[in-house]
């Protein structure tokens, strides 16, 4: 039986503020996690243990999160290929444009 838990915290010690949903197995082992920024409700990261990919854990976390609040995908230029495939698979809105000076945003034509 899987358990989804929620908490707030930073992203591996970076000092950011995120809502975090996690899936654990019956033994308490972390299987998947979804980080969503507390300010924009933008998906910052989603991860699934390699041995459990393709089992629906990422979708379950996304659905649990969207049941609790509005969640937005990152701008396409900020997504990894896997993140883009996830966004396309689950659907849902993308965060509204915001000032950003990252490489991906710097290379976009205005």
Protein backbone atom coordinates (compact mmCIF):
# COMPACT_ATOMS: atom_id res chain seq x y z
CA UNK A 1 0.00 0.00 0.00
CA UNK A 2 1.30 3.44 -0.94
CA UNK A 3 1.06 6.51 1.22
CA UNK A 4 1.20 10.11 0.01
CA UNK A 5 2.40 12.60 2.58
CA UNK A 6 2.71 16.37 2.36
CA UNK A 7 5.03 18.82 4.03
CA UNK A 8 6.77 22.09 3.33
CA UNK A 9 10.50 22.55 3.05
CA UNK A 10 13.36 23.58 0.88
CA UNK A 11 14.82 21.80 -2.11
CA UNK A 12 17.71 19.78 -0.72
CA UNK A 13 19.05 22.60 1.43
CA UNK A 14 18.83 25.46 -1.09
CA UNK A 15 16.72 27.65 1.23
CA UNK A 16 13.69 27.78 -1.11
CA UNK A 17 10.13 27.36 0.15
CA UNK A 18 8.14 24.50 -1.37
CA UNK A 19 5.06 22.40 -0.86
CA UNK A 20 6.25 18.78 -1.08
CA UNK A 21 4.22 15.67 -1.82
CA UNK A 22 5.91 12.30 -1.37
CA UNK A 23 4.95 8.70 -2.05
CA UNK A 24 6.31 6.03 0.26
CA UNK A 25 5.95 2.27 0.15
CA UNK A 26 4.69 0.17 3.08
CA UNK A 27 8.22 0.11 4.53
CA UNK A 28 8.49 3.91 4.44
CA UNK A 29 10.95 4.03 1.53
CA UNK A 30 10.65 7.18 -0.57
CA UNK A 31 9.40 6.28 -4.06
CA UNK A 32 8.50 9.65 -5.58
CA UNK A 33 8.44 13.34 -4.72
CA UNK A 34 6.91 16.51 -6.16
CA UNK A 35 8.19 19.98 -5.24
CA UNK A 36 5.93 22.99 -5.88
CA UNK A 37 7.03 26.55 -5.06
CA UNK A 38 4.97 28.23 -2.36
CA UNK A 39 4.97 31.59 -4.16
CA UNK A 40 3.91 30.72 -7.75
CA UNK A 41 2.67 27.15 -7.19
CA UNK A 42 5.06 26.21 -10.00
CA UNK A 43 6.34 22.65 -10.25
CA UNK A 44 10.02 22.89 -9.41
CA UNK A 45 10.87 19.20 -9.55
CA UNK A 46 9.29 15.79 -9.78
CA UNK A 47 11.30 12.63 -9.19
CA UNK A 48 10.45 8.92 -9.18
CA UNK A 49 12.83 6.18 -8.07
CA UNK A 50 14.17 4.40 -11.13
CA UNK A 51 12.77 1.02 -10.00
CA UNK A 52 9.24 2.49 -9.82
CA UNK A 53 9.02 4.54 -12.99
CA UNK A 54 6.00 3.91 -15.19
CA UNK A 55 3.83 2.86 -12.24
CA UNK A 56 1.86 6.11 -12.02
CA UNK A 57 3.54 7.64 -8.98
CA UNK A 58 4.24 11.02 -10.62
CA UNK A 59 0.65 11.30 -11.82
CA UNK A 60 -0.66 10.30 -8.36
CA UNK A 61 1.40 13.05 -6.75
CA UNK A 62 0.29 15.60 -9.34
CA UNK A 63 -3.36 14.66 -8.81
CA UNK A 64 -2.99 14.83 -5.02
CA UNK A 65 -1.41 18.26 -5.34
CA UNK A 66 -4.05 19.59 -7.73
CA UNK A 67 -6.76 18.35 -5.37
CA UNK A 68 -5.33 20.70 -2.75
CA UNK A 69 -4.38 23.80 -4.77
CA UNK A 70 -3.81 25.19 -8.24
CA UNK A 71 -0.54 23.79 -9.61
CA UNK A 72 1.32 25.12 -12.65
CA UNK A 73 3.92 23.57 -14.90
CA UNK A 74 7.18 25.46 -15.35
CA UNK A 75 7.67 27.45 -18.56
CA UNK A 76 8.66 25.10 -21.36
CA UNK A 77 12.20 26.51 -21.52
CA UNK A 78 12.72 25.56 -17.86
CA UNK A 79 11.65 21.94 -18.31
CA UNK A 80 13.88 18.95 -18.90
CA UNK A 81 12.78 16.68 -21.75
CA UNK A 82 11.32 14.33 -19.11
CA UNK A 83 9.57 17.23 -17.38
CA UNK A 84 8.10 18.37 -20.67
CA UNK A 85 6.82 14.85 -21.40
CA UNK A 86 5.27 14.78 -17.92
CA UNK A 87 3.57 18.15 -18.46
CA UNK A 88 2.17 16.98 -21.79
CA UNK A 89 1.01 13.66 -20.30
CA UNK A 90 -0.87 15.07 -17.29
CA UNK A 91 -1.99 18.33 -18.89
CA UNK A 92 -2.78 21.36 -16.81
CA UNK A 93 -1.79 25.01 -16.93
CA UNK A 94 1.67 26.54 -17.25
CA UNK A 95 2.72 29.30 -14.87
CA UNK A 96 2.22 32.84 -16.18
CA UNK A 97 5.40 34.46 -17.56
CA UNK A 98 7.56 36.16 -14.94
CA UNK A 99 10.87 38.06 -15.00
CA UNK A 100 13.69 35.57 -15.25
CA UNK A 101 17.31 35.89 -16.30
CA UNK A 102 18.10 32.20 -16.81
CA UNK A 103 19.81 31.02 -19.98
CA UNK A 104 16.60 29.53 -21.40
CA UNK A 105 14.71 32.82 -20.98
CA UNK A 106 17.62 34.92 -22.27
CA UNK A 107 17.62 32.98 -25.55
CA UNK A 108 13.88 33.37 -26.20
CA UNK A 109 12.90 35.91 -28.82
CA UNK A 110 10.73 38.70 -27.42
